[in-house]
Amino acid sequence: MEKKPELFENLDEKKRRELVSFLAMGANIDENMGKLLDFLD
């Protein structure tokens, strides 16, 4: 997010923190998807 500050100019600090956590949850989902696909392989 620090590399693309223009995307978040209209977000207050609270909203930015929430977005970070939301996308972090997505990163954890993706990691688990990798675990599942590796298991199937």
Full PDB file with SEQRES, HELIX, SHEET, SSBOND, CRYST1, ORIGX, SCALE, CONECT and MASTER records, all heavy atoms in Angstrom:
SEQRES   1 A   41  MET GLU LYS LYS PRO GLU LEU PHE GLU ASN LEU ASP GLU          
SEQRES   2 A   41  LYS LYS ARG ARG GLU LEU VAL SER PHE LEU ALA MET GLY          
SEQRES   3 A   41  ALA ASN ILE ASP GLU ASN MET GLY LYS LEU LEU ASP PHE          
SEQRES   4 A   41  LEU ASP                                                      
HELIX    1 AA1 PRO A    5  PHE A    8  5                                   4    
HELIX    2 AA2 GLU A   13  LEU A   40  1                                  28    
CRYST1    1.000    1.000    1.000  90.00  90.00  90.00 P 1           1          
ORIGX1      1.000000  0.000000  0.000000        0.00000                         
ORIGX2      0.000000  1.000000  0.000000        0.00000                         
ORIGX3      0.000000  0.000000  1.000000        0.00000                         
SCALE1      1.000000  0.000000  0.000000        0.00000                         
SCALE2      0.000000  1.000000  0.000000        0.00000                         
SCALE3      0.000000  0.000000  1.000000        0.00000                         
ATOM      1  N   MET A   1       0.821  -1.205   0.000  1.00  0.00           N  
ATOM      2  CA  MET A   1       0.000   0.000   0.000  1.00  0.00           C  
ATOM      3  C   MET A   1       0.861   1.263   0.000  1.00  0.00           C  
ATOM      4  O   MET A   1       0.494   2.278  -0.606  1.00  0.00           O  
ATOM      5  CB  MET A   1      -0.947  -0.006   1.204  1.00  0.00           C  
ATOM      6  CG  MET A   1      -2.067  -1.035   1.079  1.00  0.00           C  
ATOM      7  SD  MET A   1      -3.110  -1.188   2.553  1.00  0.00           S  
ATOM      8  CE  MET A   1      -3.854   0.429   2.656  1.00  0.00           C  
ATOM      9  N   GLU A   2       2.027   1.213   0.668  1.00  0.00           N  
ATOM     10  CA  GLU A   2       2.920   2.367   0.712  1.00  0.00           C  
ATOM     11  C   GLU A   2       3.443   2.733  -0.671  1.00  0.00           C  
ATOM     12  O   GLU A   2       3.775   3.890  -0.934  1.00  0.00           O  
ATOM     13  CB  GLU A   2       4.083   2.089   1.666  1.00  0.00           C  
ATOM     14  CG  GLU A   2       3.676   2.093   3.130  1.00  0.00           C  
ATOM     15  CD  GLU A   2       4.783   1.578   4.041  1.00  0.00           C  
ATOM     16  OE1 GLU A   2       5.873   1.231   3.515  1.00  0.00           O  
ATOM     17  OE2 GLU A   2       4.555   1.502   5.265  1.00  0.00           O  
ATOM     18  N   LYS A   3       3.492   1.743  -1.557  1.00  0.00           N  
ATOM     19  CA  LYS A   3       4.009   1.986  -2.906  1.00  0.00           C  
ATOM     20  C   LYS A   3       2.952   2.613  -3.824  1.00  0.00           C  
ATOM     21  O   LYS A   3       3.291   3.110  -4.900  1.00  0.00           O  
ATOM     22  CB  LYS A   3       4.495   0.672  -3.516  1.00  0.00           C  
ATOM     23  CG  LYS A   3       5.700   0.083  -2.800  1.00  0.00           C  
ATOM     24  CD  LYS A   3       6.099  -1.258  -3.411  1.00  0.00           C  
ATOM     25  CE  LYS A   3       7.294  -1.863  -2.677  1.00  0.00           C  
ATOM     26  NZ  LYS A   3       7.670  -3.187  -3.228  1.00  0.00           N  
ATOM     27  N   LYS A   4       1.702   2.574  -3.412  1.00  0.00           N  
ATOM     28  CA  LYS A   4       0.618   3.127  -4.237  1.00  0.00           C  
ATOM     29  C   LYS A   4      -0.290   4.013  -3.389  1.00  0.00           C  
ATOM     30  O   LYS A   4      -1.482   3.755  -3.246  1.00  0.00           O  
ATOM     31  CB  LYS A   4      -0.188   1.996  -4.887  1.00  0.00           C  
ATOM     32  CG  LYS A   4       0.612   1.163  -5.894  1.00  0.00           C  
ATOM     33  CD  LYS A   4      -0.253   0.135  -6.572  1.00  0.00           C  
ATOM     34  CE  LYS A   4       0.544  -0.688  -7.560  1.00  0.00           C  
ATOM     35  NZ  LYS A   4       0.979   0.095  -8.725  1.00  0.00           N  
ATOM     36  N   PRO A   5       0.276   5.066  -2.797  1.00  0.00           N  
ATOM     37  CA  PRO A   5      -0.533   5.908  -1.883  1.00  0.00           C  
ATOM     38  C   PRO A   5      -1.712   6.590  -2.565  1.00  0.00           C  
ATOM     39  O   PRO A   5      -2.692   6.928  -1.904  1.00  0.00           O  
ATOM     40  CB  PRO A   5       0.490   6.933  -1.380  1.00  0.00           C  
ATOM     41  CG  PRO A   5       1.544   6.979  -2.445  1.00  0.00           C  
ATOM     42  CD  PRO A   5       1.633   5.580  -2.978  1.00  0.00           C  
ATOM     43  N   GLU A   6      -1.616   6.779  -3.891  1.00  0.00           N  
ATOM     44  CA  GLU A   6      -2.696   7.471  -4.593  1.00  0.00           C  
ATOM     45  C   GLU A   6      -4.014   6.711  -4.541  1.00  0.00           C  
ATOM     46  O   GLU A   6      -5.086   7.306  -4.696  1.00  0.00           O  
ATOM     47  CB  GLU A   6      -2.300   7.723  -6.055  1.00  0.00           C  
ATOM     48  CG  GLU A   6      -2.171   6.483  -6.926  1.00  0.00           C  
ATOM     49  CD  GLU A   6      -0.844   5.752  -6.784  1.00  0.00           C  
ATOM     50  OE1 GLU A   6      -0.026   6.159  -5.928  1.00  0.00           O  
ATOM     51  OE2 GLU A   6      -0.622   4.790  -7.547  1.00  0.00           O  
ATOM     52  N   LEU A   7      -3.958   5.392  -4.307  1.00  0.00           N  
ATOM     53  CA  LEU A   7      -5.187   4.593  -4.250  1.00  0.00           C  
ATOM     54  C   LEU A   7      -5.978   4.835  -2.972  1.00  0.00           C  
ATOM     55  O   LEU A   7      -7.161   4.489  -2.896  1.00  0.00           O  
ATOM     56  CB  LEU A   7      -4.857   3.106  -4.370  1.00  0.00           C  
ATOM     57  CG  LEU A   7      -4.297   2.609  -5.702  1.00  0.00           C  
ATOM     58  CD1 LEU A   7      -3.937   1.126  -5.615  1.00  0.00           C  
ATOM     59  CD2 LEU A   7      -5.311   2.836  -6.821  1.00  0.00           C  
ATOM     60  N   PHE A   8      -5.324   5.423  -1.975  1.00  0.00           N  
ATOM     61  CA  PHE A   8      -5.936   5.483  -0.640  1.00  0.00           C  
ATOM     62  C   PHE A   8      -6.064   6.912  -0.122  1.00  0.00           C  
ATOM     63  O   PHE A   8      -6.248   7.122   1.072  1.00  0.00           O  
ATOM     64  CB  PHE A   8      -5.099   4.640   0.331  1.00  0.00           C  
ATOM     65  CG  PHE A   8      -4.725   3.305  -0.220  1.00  0.00           C  
ATOM     66  CD1 PHE A   8      -3.427   3.069  -0.678  1.00  0.00           C  
ATOM     67  CD2 PHE A   8      -5.669   2.299  -0.345  1.00  0.00           C  
ATOM     68  CE1 PHE A   8      -3.092   1.846  -1.221  1.00  0.00           C  
ATOM     69  CE2 PHE A   8      -5.334   1.077  -0.890  1.00  0.00           C  
ATOM     70  CZ  PHE A   8      -4.036   0.849  -1.333  1.00  0.00           C  
ATOM     71  N   GLU A   9      -5.992   7.869  -1.029  1.00  0.00           N  
ATOM     72  CA  GLU A   9      -6.044   9.277  -0.617  1.00  0.00           C  
ATOM     73  C   GLU A   9      -7.343   9.634   0.086  1.00  0.00           C  
ATOM     74  O   GLU A   9      -7.373  10.520   0.948  1.00  0.00           O  
ATOM     75  CB  GLU A   9      -5.854  10.178  -1.842  1.00  0.00           C  
ATOM     76  CG  GLU A   9      -4.453  10.122  -2.433  1.00  0.00           C  
ATOM     77  CD  GLU A   9      -4.339  10.941  -3.699  1.00  0.00           C  
ATOM     78  OE1 GLU A   9      -5.390  11.384  -4.212  1.00  0.00           O  
ATOM     79  OE2 GLU A   9      -3.206  11.129  -4.190  1.00  0.00           O  
ATOM     80  N   ASN A  10      -8.428   8.969  -0.277  1.00  0.00           N  
ATOM     81  CA  ASN A  10      -9.735   9.299   0.291  1.00  0.00           C  
ATOM     82  C   ASN A  10     -10.106   8.472   1.520  1.00  0.00           C  
ATOM     83  O   ASN A  10     -11.223   8.573   2.025  1.00  0.00           O  
ATOM     84  CB  ASN A  10     -10.821   9.133  -0.773  1.00  0.00           C  
ATOM     85  CG  ASN A  10     -10.630  10.086  -1.939  1.00  0.00           C  
ATOM     86  OD1 ASN A  10     -10.224  11.230  -1.750  1.00  0.00           O  
ATOM     87  ND2 ASN A  10     -10.914   9.626  -3.156  1.00  0.00           N  
ATOM     88  N   LEU A  11      -9.175   7.640   1.982  1.00  0.00           N  
ATOM     89  CA  LEU A  11      -9.454   6.785   3.134  1.00  0.00           C  
ATOM     90  C   LEU A  11      -8.837   7.385   4.397  1.00  0.00           C  
ATOM     91  O   LEU A  11      -7.659   7.776   4.397  1.00  0.00           O  
ATOM     92  CB  LEU A  11      -8.887   5.376   2.921  1.00  0.00           C  
ATOM     93  CG  LEU A  11      -9.401   4.580   1.719  1.00  0.00           C  
ATOM     94  CD1 LEU A  11      -8.841   3.166   1.762  1.00  0.00           C  
ATOM     95  CD2 LEU A  11     -10.914   4.556   1.684  1.00  0.00           C  
ATOM     96  N   ASP A  12      -9.621   7.450   5.476  1.00  0.00           N  
ATOM     97  CA  ASP A  12      -9.043   7.897   6.746  1.00  0.00           C  
ATOM     98  C   ASP A  12      -8.210   6.766   7.353  1.00  0.00           C  
ATOM     99  O   ASP A  12      -8.195   5.637   6.856  1.00  0.00           O  
ATOM    100  CB  ASP A  12     -10.132   8.382   7.710  1.00  0.00           C  
ATOM    101  CG  ASP A  12     -11.151   7.300   8.069  1.00  0.00           C  
ATOM    102  OD1 ASP A  12     -10.804   6.099   8.059  1.00  0.00           O  
ATOM    103  OD2 ASP A  12     -12.304   7.658   8.356  1.00  0.00           O  
ATOM    104  N   GLU A  13      -7.529   7.074   8.423  1.00  0.00           N  
ATOM    105  CA  GLU A  13      -6.593   6.114   9.003  1.00  0.00           C  
ATOM    106  C   GLU A  13      -7.295   4.849   9.486  1.00  0.00           C  
ATOM    107  O   GLU A  13      -6.792   3.728   9.324  1.00  0.00           O  
ATOM    108  CB  GLU A  13      -5.845   6.762  10.173  1.00  0.00           C  
ATOM    109  CG  GLU A  13      -4.702   5.904  10.727  1.00  0.00           C  
ATOM    110  CD  GLU A  13      -3.666   5.528   9.681  1.00  0.00           C  
ATOM    111  OE1 GLU A  13      -3.394   6.347   8.782  1.00  0.00           O  
ATOM    112  OE2 GLU A  13      -3.127   4.392   9.755  1.00  0.00           O  
ATOM    113  N   LYS A  14      -8.477   4.989  10.066  1.00  0.00           N  
ATOM    114  CA  LYS A  14      -9.227   3.823  10.549  1.00  0.00           C  
ATOM    115  C   LYS A  14      -9.586   2.902   9.382  1.00  0.00           C  
ATOM    116  O   LYS A  14      -9.430   1.686   9.463  1.00  0.00           O  
ATOM    117  CB  LYS A  14     -10.491   4.285  11.282  1.00  0.00           C  
ATOM    118  CG  LYS A  14     -11.349   3.151  11.832  1.00  0.00           C  
ATOM    119  CD  LYS A  14     -12.513   3.715  12.636  1.00  0.00           C  
ATOM    120  CE  LYS A  14     -13.372   2.620  13.255  1.00  0.00           C  
ATOM    121  NZ  LYS A  14     -14.105   1.849  12.231  1.00  0.00           N  
ATOM    122  N   LYS A  15     -10.055   3.495   8.282  1.00  0.00           N  
ATOM    123  CA  LYS A  15     -10.442   2.705   7.119  1.00  0.00           C  
ATOM    124  C   LYS A  15      -9.223   2.000   6.509  1.00  0.00           C  
ATOM    125  O   LYS A  15      -9.305   0.863   6.058  1.00  0.00           O  
ATOM    126  CB  LYS A  15     -11.098   3.610   6.075  1.00  0.00           C  
ATOM    127  CG  LYS A  15     -11.818   2.870   4.964  1.00  0.00           C  
ATOM    128  CD  LYS A  15     -13.135   2.298   5.440  1.00  0.00           C  
ATOM    129  CE  LYS A  15     -13.973   1.792   4.295  1.00  0.00           C  
ATOM    130  NZ  LYS A  15     -15.272   1.262   4.712  1.00  0.00           N  
ATOM    131  N   ARG A  16      -8.076   2.668   6.520  1.00  0.00           N  
ATOM    132  CA  ARG A  16      -6.856   2.047   5.991  1.00  0.00           C  
ATOM    133  C   ARG A  16      -6.456   0.840   6.829  1.00  0.00           C  
ATOM    134  O   ARG A  16      -6.047  -0.187   6.286  1.00  0.00           O  
ATOM    135  CB  ARG A  16      -5.715   3.064   5.954  1.00  0.00           C  
ATOM    136  CG  ARG A  16      -5.910   4.161   4.928  1.00  0.00           C  
ATOM    137  CD  ARG A  16      -4.663   5.016   4.807  1.00  0.00           C  
ATOM    138  NE  ARG A  16      -4.918   6.207   4.006  1.00  0.00           N  
ATOM    139  CZ  ARG A  16      -3.984   6.943   3.432  1.00  0.00           C  
ATOM    140  NH1 ARG A  16      -2.715   6.590   3.565  1.00  0.00           N  
ATOM    141  NH2 ARG A  16      -4.296   8.007   2.731  1.00  0.00           N  
ATOM    142  N   ARG A  17      -6.553   0.983   8.140  1.00  0.00           N  
ATOM    143  CA  ARG A  17      -6.218  -0.154   9.017  1.00  0.00           C  
ATOM    144  C   ARG A  17      -7.147  -1.330   8.760  1.00  0.00           C  
ATOM    145  O   ARG A  17      -6.711  -2.487   8.721  1.00  0.00           O  
ATOM    146  CB  ARG A  17      -6.292   0.270  10.490  1.00  0.00           C  
ATOM    147  CG  ARG A  17      -5.157   1.170  10.947  1.00  0.00           C  
ATOM    148  CD  ARG A  17      -5.063   1.194  12.468  1.00  0.00           C  
ATOM    149  NE  ARG A  17      -6.328   1.549  13.102  1.00  0.00           N  
ATOM    150  CZ  ARG A  17      -6.688   2.785  13.405  1.00  0.00           C  
ATOM    151  NH1 ARG A  17      -5.878   3.809  13.110  1.00  0.00           N  
ATOM    152  NH2 ARG A  17      -7.836   3.030  14.016  1.00  0.00           N  
ATOM    153  N   GLU A  18      -8.424  -1.027   8.588  1.00  0.00           N  
ATOM    154  CA  GLU A  18      -9.395  -2.095   8.313  1.00  0.00           C  
ATOM    155  C   GLU A  18      -9.097  -2.771   6.984  1.00  0.00           C  
ATOM    156  O   GLU A  18      -9.187  -3.996   6.870  1.00  0.00           O  
ATOM    157  CB  GLU A  18     -10.815  -1.512   8.300  1.00  0.00           C  
ATOM    158  CG  GLU A  18     -11.308  -1.065   9.669  1.00  0.00           C  
ATOM    159  CD  GLU A  18     -12.649  -0.362   9.594  1.00  0.00           C  
ATOM    160  OE1 GLU A  18     -13.066   0.015   8.473  1.00  0.00           O  
ATOM    161  OE2 GLU A  18     -13.289  -0.186  10.646  1.00  0.00           O  
ATOM    162  N   LEU A  19      -8.726  -1.970   5.977  1.00  0.00           N  
ATOM    163  CA  LEU A  19      -8.404  -2.542   4.666  1.00  0.00           C  
ATOM    164  C   LEU A  19      -7.167  -3.432   4.759  1.00  0.00           C  
ATOM    165  O   LEU A  19      -7.124  -4.511   4.150  1.00  0.00           O  
ATOM    166  CB  LEU A  19      -8.187  -1.420   3.652  1.00  0.00           C  
ATOM    167  CG  LEU A  19      -7.751  -1.859   2.247  1.00  0.00           C  
ATOM    168  CD1 LEU A  19      -8.763  -2.815   1.626  1.00  0.00           C  
ATOM    169  CD2 LEU A  19      -7.548  -0.638   1.347  1.00  0.00           C  
ATOM    170  N   VAL A  20      -6.157  -3.004   5.502  1.00  0.00           N  
ATOM    171  CA  VAL A  20      -4.963  -3.831   5.694  1.00  0.00           C  
ATOM    172  C   VAL A  20      -5.351  -5.184   6.273  1.00  0.00           C  
ATOM    173  O   VAL A  20      -4.913  -6.235   5.792  1.00  0.00           O  
ATOM    174  CB  VAL A  20      -3.939  -3.125   6.611  1.00  0.00           C  
ATOM    175  CG1 VAL A  20      -2.856  -4.102   7.061  1.00  0.00           C  
ATOM    176  CG2 VAL A  20      -3.304  -1.945   5.901  1.00  0.00           C  
ATOM    177  N   SER A  21      -6.181  -5.180   7.299  1.00  0.00           N  
ATOM    178  CA  SER A  21      -6.582  -6.437   7.944  1.00  0.00           C  
ATOM    179  C   SER A  21      -7.427  -7.294   7.010  1.00  0.00           C  
ATOM    180  O   SER A  21      -7.265  -8.519   6.968  1.00  0.00           O  
ATOM    181  CB  SER A  21      -7.353  -6.131   9.231  1.00  0.00           C  
ATOM    182  OG  SER A  21      -6.529  -5.471  10.168  1.00  0.00           O  
ATOM    183  N   PHE A  22      -8.308  -6.650   6.264  1.00  0.00           N  
ATOM    184  CA  PHE A  22      -9.146  -7.369   5.301  1.00  0.00           C  
ATOM    185  C   PHE A  22      -8.287  -8.083   4.250  1.00  0.00           C  
ATOM    186  O   PHE A  22      -8.474  -9.269   3.968  1.00  0.00           O  
ATOM    187  CB  PHE A  22     -10.086  -6.359   4.640  1.00  0.00           C  
ATOM    188  CG  PHE A  22     -10.888  -6.896   3.491  1.00  0.00           C  
ATOM    189  CD1 PHE A  22     -11.989  -7.708   3.700  1.00  0.00           C  
ATOM    190  CD2 PHE A  22     -10.570  -6.553   2.175  1.00  0.00           C  
ATOM    191  CE1 PHE A  22     -12.752  -8.184   2.631  1.00  0.00           C  
ATOM    192  CE2 PHE A  22     -11.320  -7.010   1.102  1.00  0.00           C  
ATOM    193  CZ  PHE A  22     -12.410  -7.842   1.338  1.00  0.00           C  
ATOM    194  N   LEU A  23      -7.321  -7.373   3.679  1.00  0.00           N  
ATOM    195  CA  LEU A  23      -6.461  -7.982   2.669  1.00  0.00           C  
ATOM    196  C   LEU A  23      -5.518  -9.005   3.289  1.00  0.00           C  
ATOM    197  O   LEU A  23      -5.149  -9.997   2.639  1.00  0.00           O  
ATOM    198  CB  LEU A  23      -5.674  -6.896   1.939  1.00  0.00           C  
ATOM    199  CG  LEU A  23      -6.515  -5.944   1.069  1.00  0.00           C  
ATOM    200  CD1 LEU A  23      -5.647  -4.859   0.461  1.00  0.00           C  
ATOM    201  CD2 LEU A  23      -7.257  -6.708  -0.021  1.00  0.00           C  
ATOM    202  N   ALA A  24      -5.126  -8.789   4.537  1.00  0.00           N  
ATOM    203  CA  ALA A  24      -4.294  -9.786   5.228  1.00  0.00           C  
ATOM    204  C   ALA A  24      -5.061 -11.091   5.420  1.00  0.00           C  
ATOM    205  O   ALA A  24      -4.492 -12.183   5.303  1.00  0.00           O  
ATOM    206  CB  ALA A  24      -3.835  -9.226   6.574  1.00  0.00           C  
ATOM    207  N   MET A  25      -6.365 -10.992   5.709  1.00  0.00           N  
ATOM    208  CA  MET A  25      -7.192 -12.195   5.801  1.00  0.00           C  
ATOM    209  C   MET A  25      -7.204 -12.923   4.454  1.00  0.00           C  
ATOM    210  O   MET A  25      -7.163 -14.157   4.388  1.00  0.00           O  
ATOM    211  CB  MET A  25      -8.615 -11.831   6.229  1.00  0.00           C  
ATOM    212  CG  MET A  25      -8.707 -11.273   7.635  1.00  0.00           C  
ATOM    213  SD  MET A  25     -10.340 -10.597   8.012  1.00  0.00           S  
ATOM    214  CE  MET A  25     -11.217 -12.082   8.482  1.00  0.00           C  
ATOM    215  N   GLY A  26      -7.225 -12.147   3.360  1.00  0.00           N  
ATOM    216  CA  GLY A  26      -7.169 -12.746   2.039  1.00  0.00           C  
ATOM    217  C   GLY A  26      -5.857 -13.450   1.776  1.00  0.00           C  
ATOM    218  O   GLY A  26      -5.815 -14.501   1.115  1.00  0.00           O  
ATOM    219  N   ALA A  27      -4.758 -12.883   2.287  1.00  0.00           N  
ATOM    220  CA  ALA A  27      -3.451 -13.525   2.128  1.00  0.00           C  
ATOM    221  C   ALA A  27      -3.415 -14.860   2.859  1.00  0.00           C  
ATOM    222  O   ALA A  27      -2.841 -15.849   2.367  1.00  0.00           O  
ATOM    223  CB  ALA A  27      -2.353 -12.597   2.645  1.00  0.00           C  
ATOM    224  N   ASN A  28      -4.013 -14.904   4.028  1.00  0.00           N  
ATOM    225  CA  ASN A  28      -4.087 -16.168   4.763  1.00  0.00           C  
ATOM    226  C   ASN A  28      -4.954 -17.188   4.028  1.00  0.00           C  
ATOM    227  O   ASN A  28      -4.624 -18.382   3.985  1.00  0.00           O  
ATOM    228  CB  ASN A  28      -4.644 -15.918   6.171  1.00  0.00           C  
ATOM    229  CG  ASN A  28      -4.961 -17.192   6.916  1.00  0.00           C  
ATOM    230  OD1 ASN A  28      -6.108 -17.647   6.925  1.00  0.00           O  
ATOM    231  ND2 ASN A  28      -3.951 -17.799   7.523  1.00  0.00           N  
ATOM    232  N   ILE A  29      -6.052 -16.733   3.427  1.00  0.00           N  
ATOM    233  CA  ILE A  29      -6.884 -17.630   2.621  1.00  0.00           C  
ATOM    234  C   ILE A  29      -6.059 -18.219   1.486  1.00  0.00           C  
ATOM    235  O   ILE A  29      -6.093 -19.428   1.228  1.00  0.00           O  
ATOM    236  CB  ILE A  29      -8.112 -16.879   2.063  1.00  0.00           C  
ATOM    237  CG1 ILE A  29      -9.091 -16.520   3.178  1.00  0.00           C  
ATOM    238  CG2 ILE A  29      -8.826 -17.725   1.000  1.00  0.00           C  
ATOM    239  CD1 ILE A  29     -10.192 -15.567   2.757  1.00  0.00           C  
ATOM    240  N   ASP A  30      -5.301 -17.360   0.797  1.00  0.00           N  
ATOM    241  CA  ASP A  30      -4.498 -17.839  -0.323  1.00  0.00           C  
ATOM    242  C   ASP A  30      -3.465 -18.868   0.133  1.00  0.00           C  
ATOM    243  O   ASP A  30      -3.240 -19.884  -0.543  1.00  0.00           O  
ATOM    244  CB  ASP A  30      -3.801 -16.666  -1.006  1.00  0.00           C  
ATOM    245  CG  ASP A  30      -3.073 -17.091  -2.259  1.00  0.00           C  
ATOM    246  OD1 ASP A  30      -3.745 -17.314  -3.285  1.00  0.00           O  
ATOM    247  OD2 ASP A  30      -1.834 -17.253  -2.207  1.00  0.00           O  
ATOM    248  N   GLU A  31      -2.846 -18.624   1.256  1.00  0.00           N  
ATOM    249  CA  GLU A  31      -1.879 -19.591   1.796  1.00  0.00           C  
ATOM    250  C   GLU A  31      -2.540 -20.943   2.043  1.00  0.00           C  
ATOM    251  O   GLU A  31      -1.971 -21.995   1.722  1.00  0.00           O  
ATOM    252  CB  GLU A  31      -1.283 -19.046   3.093  1.00  0.00           C  
ATOM    253  CG  GLU A  31      -0.240 -19.937   3.740  1.00  0.00           C  
ATOM    254  CD  GLU A  31       0.319 -19.290   4.991  1.00  0.00           C  
ATOM    255  OE1 GLU A  31       1.208 -18.440   4.886  1.00  0.00           O  
ATOM    256  OE2 GLU A  31      -0.170 -19.638   6.093  1.00  0.00           O  
ATOM    257  N   ASN A  32      -3.732 -20.919   2.570  1.00  0.00           N  
ATOM    258  CA  ASN A  32      -4.454 -22.170   2.813  1.00  0.00           C  
ATOM    259  C   ASN A  32      -4.898 -22.836   1.519  1.00  0.00           C  
ATOM    260  O   ASN A  32      -4.944 -24.063   1.435  1.00  0.00           O  
ATOM    261  CB  ASN A  32      -5.650 -21.911   3.730  1.00  0.00           C  
ATOM    262  CG  ASN A  32      -5.272 -21.911   5.190  1.00  0.00           C  
ATOM    263  OD1 ASN A  32      -5.035 -22.960   5.779  1.00  0.00           O  
ATOM    264  ND2 ASN A  32      -5.187 -20.730   5.780  1.00  0.00           N  
ATOM    265  N   MET A  33      -5.222 -22.035   0.521  1.00  0.00           N  
ATOM    266  CA  MET A  33      -5.532 -22.622  -0.786  1.00  0.00           C  
ATOM    267  C   MET A  33      -4.312 -23.362  -1.334  1.00  0.00           C  
ATOM    268  O   MET A  33      -4.441 -24.438  -1.937  1.00  0.00           O  
ATOM    269  CB  MET A  33      -5.976 -21.533  -1.761  1.00  0.00           C  
ATOM    270  CG  MET A  33      -7.401 -21.073  -1.575  1.00  0.00           C  
ATOM    271  SD  MET A  33      -8.625 -22.381  -1.897  1.00  0.00           S  
ATOM    272  CE  MET A  33      -8.318 -22.720  -3.639  1.00  0.00           C  
ATOM    273  N   GLY A  34      -3.127 -22.806  -1.136  1.00  0.00           N  
ATOM    274  CA  GLY A  34      -1.912 -23.503  -1.550  1.00  0.00           C  
ATOM    275  C   GLY A  34      -1.742 -24.819  -0.826  1.00  0.00           C  
ATOM    276  O   GLY A  34      -1.354 -25.843  -1.423  1.00  0.00           O  
ATOM    277  N   LYS A  35      -2.046 -24.817   0.464  1.00  0.00           N  
ATOM    278  CA  LYS A  35      -1.962 -26.047   1.253  1.00  0.00           C  
ATOM    279  C   LYS A  35      -2.922 -27.109   0.704  1.00  0.00           C  
ATOM    280  O   LYS A  35      -2.561 -28.288   0.572  1.00  0.00           O  
ATOM    281  CB  LYS A  35      -2.295 -25.717   2.712  1.00  0.00           C  
ATOM    282  CG  LYS A  35      -2.095 -26.844   3.700  1.00  0.00           C  
ATOM    283  CD  LYS A  35      -2.720 -26.565   5.061  1.00  0.00           C  
ATOM    284  CE  LYS A  35      -2.542 -25.153   5.542  1.00  0.00           C  
ATOM    285  NZ  LYS A  35      -3.161 -24.918   6.853  1.00  0.00           N  
ATOM    286  N   LEU A  36      -4.128 -26.685   0.359  1.00  0.00           N  
ATOM    287  CA  LEU A  36      -5.116 -27.619  -0.171  1.00  0.00           C  
ATOM    288  C   LEU A  36      -4.683 -28.169  -1.528  1.00  0.00           C  
ATOM    289  O   LEU A  36      -4.744 -29.386  -1.770  1.00  0.00           O  
ATOM    290  CB  LEU A  36      -6.471 -26.915  -0.299  1.00  0.00           C  
ATOM    291  CG  LEU A  36      -7.576 -27.690  -1.013  1.00  0.00           C  
ATOM    292  CD1 LEU A  36      -7.959 -28.940  -0.218  1.00  0.00           C  
ATOM    293  CD2 LEU A  36      -8.802 -26.812  -1.241  1.00  0.00           C  
ATOM    294  N   LEU A  37      -4.256 -27.294  -2.426  1.00  0.00           N  
ATOM    295  CA  LEU A  37      -3.851 -27.745  -3.760  1.00  0.00           C  
ATOM    296  C   LEU A  37      -2.627 -28.661  -3.688  1.00  0.00           C  
ATOM    297  O   LEU A  37      -2.544 -29.655  -4.430  1.00  0.00           O  
ATOM    298  CB  LEU A  37      -3.565 -26.541  -4.651  1.00  0.00           C  
ATOM    299  CG  LEU A  37      -4.771 -25.643  -4.956  1.00  0.00           C  
ATOM    300  CD1 LEU A  37      -4.337 -24.406  -5.733  1.00  0.00           C  
ATOM    301  CD2 LEU A  37      -5.857 -26.402  -5.720  1.00  0.00           C  
ATOM    302  N   ASP A  38      -1.700 -28.358  -2.793  1.00  0.00           N  
ATOM    303  CA  ASP A  38      -0.531 -29.233  -2.623  1.00  0.00           C  
ATOM    304  C   ASP A  38      -0.957 -30.603  -2.101  1.00  0.00           C  
ATOM    305  O   ASP A  38      -0.432 -31.636  -2.542  1.00  0.00           O  
ATOM    306  CB  ASP A  38       0.467 -28.599  -1.657  1.00  0.00           C  
ATOM    307  CG  ASP A  38       1.190 -27.410  -2.266  1.00  0.00           C  
ATOM    308  OD1 ASP A  38       1.125 -27.233  -3.498  1.00  0.00           O  
ATOM    309  OD2 ASP A  38       1.813 -26.642  -1.499  1.00  0.00           O  
ATOM    310  N   PHE A  39      -1.891 -30.611  -1.163  1.00  0.00           N  
ATOM    311  CA  PHE A  39      -2.394 -31.891  -0.651  1.00  0.00           C  
ATOM    312  C   PHE A  39      -3.005 -32.730  -1.772  1.00  0.00           C  
ATOM    313  O   PHE A  39      -2.743 -33.929  -1.878  1.00  0.00           O  
ATOM    314  CB  PHE A  39      -3.430 -31.639   0.446  1.00  0.00           C  
ATOM    315  CG  PHE A  39      -4.376 -32.783   0.678  1.00  0.00           C  
ATOM    316  CD1 PHE A  39      -3.932 -33.975   1.246  1.00  0.00           C  
ATOM    317  CD2 PHE A  39      -5.717 -32.683   0.313  1.00  0.00           C  
ATOM    318  CE1 PHE A  39      -4.803 -35.046   1.441  1.00  0.00           C  
ATOM    319  CE2 PHE A  39      -6.589 -33.739   0.503  1.00  0.00           C  
ATOM    320  CZ  PHE A  39      -6.129 -34.924   1.075  1.00  0.00           C  
ATOM    321  N   LEU A  40      -3.799 -32.100  -2.609  1.00  0.00           N  
ATOM    322  CA  LEU A  40      -4.422 -32.847  -3.706  1.00  0.00           C  
ATOM    323  C   LEU A  40      -3.372 -33.372  -4.677  1.00  0.00           C  
ATOM    324  O   LEU A  40      -3.456 -34.520  -5.147  1.00  0.00           O  
ATOM    325  CB  LEU A  40      -5.421 -31.945  -4.438  1.00  0.00           C  
ATOM    326  CG  LEU A  40      -6.646 -31.503  -3.634  1.00  0.00           C  
ATOM    327  CD1 LEU A  40      -7.474 -30.503  -4.434  1.00  0.00           C  
ATOM    328  CD2 LEU A  40      -7.496 -32.692  -3.219  1.00  0.00           C  
ATOM    329  N   ASP A  41      -2.367 -32.559  -4.973  1.00  0.00           N  
ATOM    330  CA  ASP A  41      -1.296 -32.999  -5.877  1.00  0.00           C  
ATOM    331  C   ASP A  41      -0.508 -34.157  -5.277  1.00  0.00           C  
ATOM    332  O   ASP A  41      -0.267 -35.176  -5.932  1.00  0.00           O  
ATOM    333  CB  ASP A  41      -0.344 -31.837  -6.179  1.00  0.00           C  
ATOM    334  CG  ASP A  41      -0.958 -30.803  -7.098  1.00  0.00           C  
ATOM    335  OD1 ASP A  41      -2.005 -31.093  -7.717  1.00  0.00           O  
ATOM    336  OD2 ASP A  41      -0.410 -29.684  -7.185  1.00  0.00           O  
TER     337      ASP A  41                                                      
MASTER        0    0    0    2    0    0    0    6  336    1    0    4          
END                                                                             
